[in-house]
Each structure stands twice: as structure tokens, then as C-alpha cells.
Amino acid sequence: MDIALMSMPLSQGKVQQQASLSVMKMAMGNAKQQGEAVQELISSANVKALQQAVQPHLGGNIDVKT
């Protein structure tokens, strides 16, 4: 086989691999940003309000008998 014929598919494969890697890095960056945003939201939110939002029927009424 001719070296020129072999080098073209090899070069195309490298370009495709570099493009895939770039897309993956962008996706990982986006996921990291979203994770940090969620973490910040959770840490800044009122825990009691979050619990009430998840289970609104719990803790609203307390029966006290003496």
C-alpha cells in the first residue's frame, strides 16, 4: 500500500477523535457548572422549607395532650 493512502484515513481518524474529545470536554464543563449551581442552591436554601416542600403533609399539625 502506498503511504499516502494509509496516512489519509489515519489523519481523519485523529481529527474525529479530537472533535469527540472536545465535545466531551464541553459536556463535562456544563455538567460541572450545573452541579455547582445545584450545590450552591441546596447550601443556601432553608432546609426546613425544602423538607416542607417535599412532604407538605408532615409536621403541619401537632396534637398536644396534657
N, C-alpha and C. Protein backbone atom coordinates (compact mmCIF):
# COMPACT_ATOMS: atom_id res chain seq x y z
N MET A 1 0.84 -1.19 0.00
CA MET A 1 0.00 0.00 0.00
C MET A 1 0.87 1.24 0.00
N ASP A 2 0.32 2.22 -0.56
CA ASP A 2 1.02 3.49 -0.62
C ASP A 2 0.91 4.21 0.72
N ILE A 3 1.98 4.83 1.16
CA ILE A 3 1.98 5.52 2.45
C ILE A 3 0.98 6.66 2.46
N ALA A 4 0.82 7.36 1.37
CA ALA A 4 -0.12 8.47 1.29
C ALA A 4 -1.55 7.98 1.49
N LEU A 5 -1.88 6.82 0.92
CA LEU A 5 -3.23 6.27 1.07
C LEU A 5 -3.50 5.85 2.52
N MET A 6 -2.48 5.40 3.20
CA MET A 6 -2.65 4.99 4.60
C MET A 6 -2.73 6.18 5.54
N SER A 7 -2.03 7.26 5.20
CA SER A 7 -1.99 8.40 6.10
C SER A 7 -3.30 9.18 6.11
N MET A 8 -4.05 9.17 5.02
CA MET A 8 -5.30 9.93 4.98
C MET A 8 -6.35 9.40 5.97
N PRO A 9 -6.64 8.11 5.97
CA PRO A 9 -7.61 7.63 6.97
C PRO A 9 -7.11 7.81 8.40
N LEU A 10 -5.81 7.66 8.60
CA LEU A 10 -5.25 7.85 9.93
C LEU A 10 -5.45 9.29 10.39
N SER A 11 -5.20 10.22 9.50
CA SER A 11 -5.38 11.64 9.82
C SER A 11 -6.85 11.96 10.11
N GLN A 12 -7.74 11.39 9.30
CA GLN A 12 -9.17 11.63 9.51
C GLN A 12 -9.62 11.05 10.85
N GLY A 13 -9.10 9.91 11.21
CA GLY A 13 -9.43 9.30 12.49
C GLY A 13 -8.97 10.17 13.65
N LYS A 14 -7.79 10.75 13.52
CA LYS A 14 -7.28 11.63 14.57
C LYS A 14 -8.15 12.87 14.72
N VAL A 15 -8.58 13.43 13.60
CA VAL A 15 -9.44 14.62 13.64
C VAL A 15 -10.77 14.28 14.31
N GLN A 16 -11.34 13.13 13.97
CA GLN A 16 -12.61 12.72 14.58
C GLN A 16 -12.45 12.51 16.08
N GLN A 17 -11.34 11.92 16.47
CA GLN A 17 -11.09 11.69 17.89
C GLN A 17 -10.92 13.01 18.64
N GLN A 18 -10.23 13.97 18.04
CA GLN A 18 -10.06 15.27 18.67
C GLN A 18 -11.39 16.00 18.80
N ALA A 19 -12.24 15.89 17.76
CA ALA A 19 -13.55 16.54 17.82
C ALA A 19 -14.41 15.90 18.91
N SER A 20 -14.39 14.59 19.00
CA SER A 20 -15.16 13.90 20.04
C SER A 20 -14.69 14.30 21.42
N LEU A 21 -13.39 14.40 21.59
CA LEU A 21 -12.83 14.78 22.88
C LEU A 21 -13.22 16.20 23.24
N SER A 22 -13.24 17.10 22.26
CA SER A 22 -13.64 18.48 22.53
C SER A 22 -15.10 18.57 22.95
N VAL A 23 -15.96 17.82 22.28
CA VAL A 23 -17.38 17.81 22.64
C VAL A 23 -17.57 17.25 24.04
N MET A 24 -16.83 16.20 24.37
CA MET A 24 -16.95 15.60 25.69
C MET A 24 -16.47 16.58 26.77
N LYS A 25 -15.40 17.30 26.51
CA LYS A 25 -14.92 18.27 27.48
C LYS A 25 -15.95 19.38 27.71
N MET A 26 -16.61 19.82 26.63
CA MET A 26 -17.65 20.85 26.78
C MET A 26 -18.81 20.31 27.61
N ALA A 27 -19.21 19.07 27.35
CA ALA A 27 -20.31 18.47 28.11
C ALA A 27 -19.94 18.32 29.58
N MET A 28 -18.71 17.93 29.85
CA MET A 28 -18.27 17.79 31.24
C MET A 28 -18.23 19.14 31.94
N GLY A 29 -17.82 20.18 31.22
CA GLY A 29 -17.81 21.53 31.79
C GLY A 29 -19.22 21.99 32.14
N ASN A 30 -20.17 21.71 31.24
CA ASN A 30 -21.56 22.08 31.51
C ASN A 30 -22.11 21.32 32.71
N ALA A 31 -21.81 20.03 32.79
CA ALA A 31 -22.29 19.23 33.91
C ALA A 31 -21.70 19.73 35.22
N LYS A 32 -20.44 20.10 35.18
CA LYS A 32 -19.79 20.61 36.39
C LYS A 32 -20.44 21.90 36.85
N GLN A 33 -20.74 22.80 35.90
CA GLN A 33 -21.38 24.06 36.24
C GLN A 33 -22.77 23.82 36.83
N GLN A 34 -23.51 22.91 36.24
CA GLN A 34 -24.85 22.62 36.75
C GLN A 34 -24.77 22.01 38.15
N GLY A 35 -23.81 21.13 38.37
CA GLY A 35 -23.64 20.53 39.68
C GLY A 35 -23.29 21.56 40.74
N GLU A 36 -22.42 22.49 40.38
CA GLU A 36 -22.05 23.54 41.32
C GLU A 36 -23.24 24.44 41.63
N ALA A 37 -24.06 24.71 40.62
CA ALA A 37 -25.24 25.54 40.83
C ALA A 37 -26.23 24.85 41.76
N VAL A 38 -26.43 23.57 41.57
CA VAL A 38 -27.34 22.81 42.44
C VAL A 38 -26.80 22.77 43.86
N GLN A 39 -25.51 22.56 43.99
CA GLN A 39 -24.89 22.51 45.31
C GLN A 39 -25.03 23.85 46.02
N GLU A 40 -24.84 24.93 45.30
CA GLU A 40 -24.99 26.26 45.89
C GLU A 40 -26.43 26.52 46.30
N LEU A 41 -27.36 26.09 45.46
CA LEU A 41 -28.78 26.27 45.77
C LEU A 41 -29.16 25.50 47.03
N ILE A 42 -28.69 24.28 47.13
CA ILE A 42 -29.01 23.46 48.30
C ILE A 42 -28.39 24.04 49.56
N SER A 43 -27.15 24.49 49.46
CA SER A 43 -26.48 25.01 50.65
C SER A 43 -27.06 26.34 51.11
N SER A 44 -27.61 27.11 50.19
CA SER A 44 -28.15 28.40 50.57
C SER A 44 -29.63 28.33 50.95
N ALA A 45 -30.28 27.23 50.63
CA ALA A 45 -31.71 27.11 50.88
C ALA A 45 -31.97 26.73 52.33
N ASN A 46 -33.14 27.09 52.77
CA ASN A 46 -33.58 26.73 54.10
C ASN A 46 -33.96 25.25 54.10
N VAL A 47 -33.32 24.45 54.94
CA VAL A 47 -33.55 23.01 54.97
C VAL A 47 -34.98 22.70 55.36
N LYS A 48 -35.51 23.44 56.32
CA LYS A 48 -36.88 23.19 56.77
C LYS A 48 -37.87 23.47 55.63
N ALA A 49 -37.63 24.52 54.88
CA ALA A 49 -38.51 24.84 53.76
C ALA A 49 -38.43 23.76 52.69
N LEU A 50 -37.23 23.22 52.45
CA LEU A 50 -37.09 22.13 51.48
C LEU A 50 -37.84 20.89 51.94
N GLN A 51 -37.73 20.55 53.23
CA GLN A 51 -38.43 19.38 53.75
C GLN A 51 -39.94 19.57 53.65
N GLN A 52 -40.40 20.77 53.93
CA GLN A 52 -41.83 21.06 53.85
C GLN A 52 -42.32 20.97 52.40
N ALA A 53 -41.49 21.39 51.46
CA ALA A 53 -41.88 21.33 50.05
C ALA A 53 -41.96 19.89 49.56
N VAL A 54 -41.07 19.03 50.06
CA VAL A 54 -41.06 17.64 49.64
C VAL A 54 -42.21 16.87 50.25
N GLN A 55 -42.47 17.10 51.54
CA GLN A 55 -43.54 16.39 52.24
C GLN A 55 -44.42 17.41 52.97
N PRO A 56 -45.30 18.08 52.26
CA PRO A 56 -46.07 19.16 52.88
C PRO A 56 -47.07 18.70 53.94
N HIS A 57 -47.43 17.44 53.92
CA HIS A 57 -48.42 16.93 54.89
C HIS A 57 -47.81 16.60 56.25
N LEU A 58 -46.49 16.59 56.37
CA LEU A 58 -45.86 16.23 57.64
C LEU A 58 -45.49 17.47 58.44
N GLY A 59 -45.74 17.44 59.71
CA GLY A 59 -45.30 18.49 60.62
C GLY A 59 -46.16 19.73 60.67
N GLY A 60 -47.27 19.73 59.96
CA GLY A 60 -48.12 20.90 59.96
C GLY A 60 -48.98 21.01 61.22
N ASN A 61 -49.36 19.87 61.75
CA ASN A 61 -50.22 19.85 62.94
C ASN A 61 -49.59 18.98 64.01
N ILE A 62 -49.65 19.48 65.23
CA ILE A 62 -49.13 18.70 66.36
C ILE A 62 -50.22 18.63 67.42
N ASP A 63 -50.56 17.43 67.82
CA ASP A 63 -51.56 17.24 68.88
C ASP A 63 -50.81 17.13 70.21
N VAL A 64 -51.16 18.02 71.13
CA VAL A 64 -50.53 18.02 72.43
C VAL A 64 -51.60 17.73 73.47
N LYS A 65 -51.43 16.68 74.23
CA LYS A 65 -52.39 16.32 75.28
C LYS A 65 -51.65 16.38 76.61
N THR A 66 -52.27 17.02 77.57
CA THR A 66 -51.63 17.12 78.89
C THR A 66 -52.35 16.26 79.90
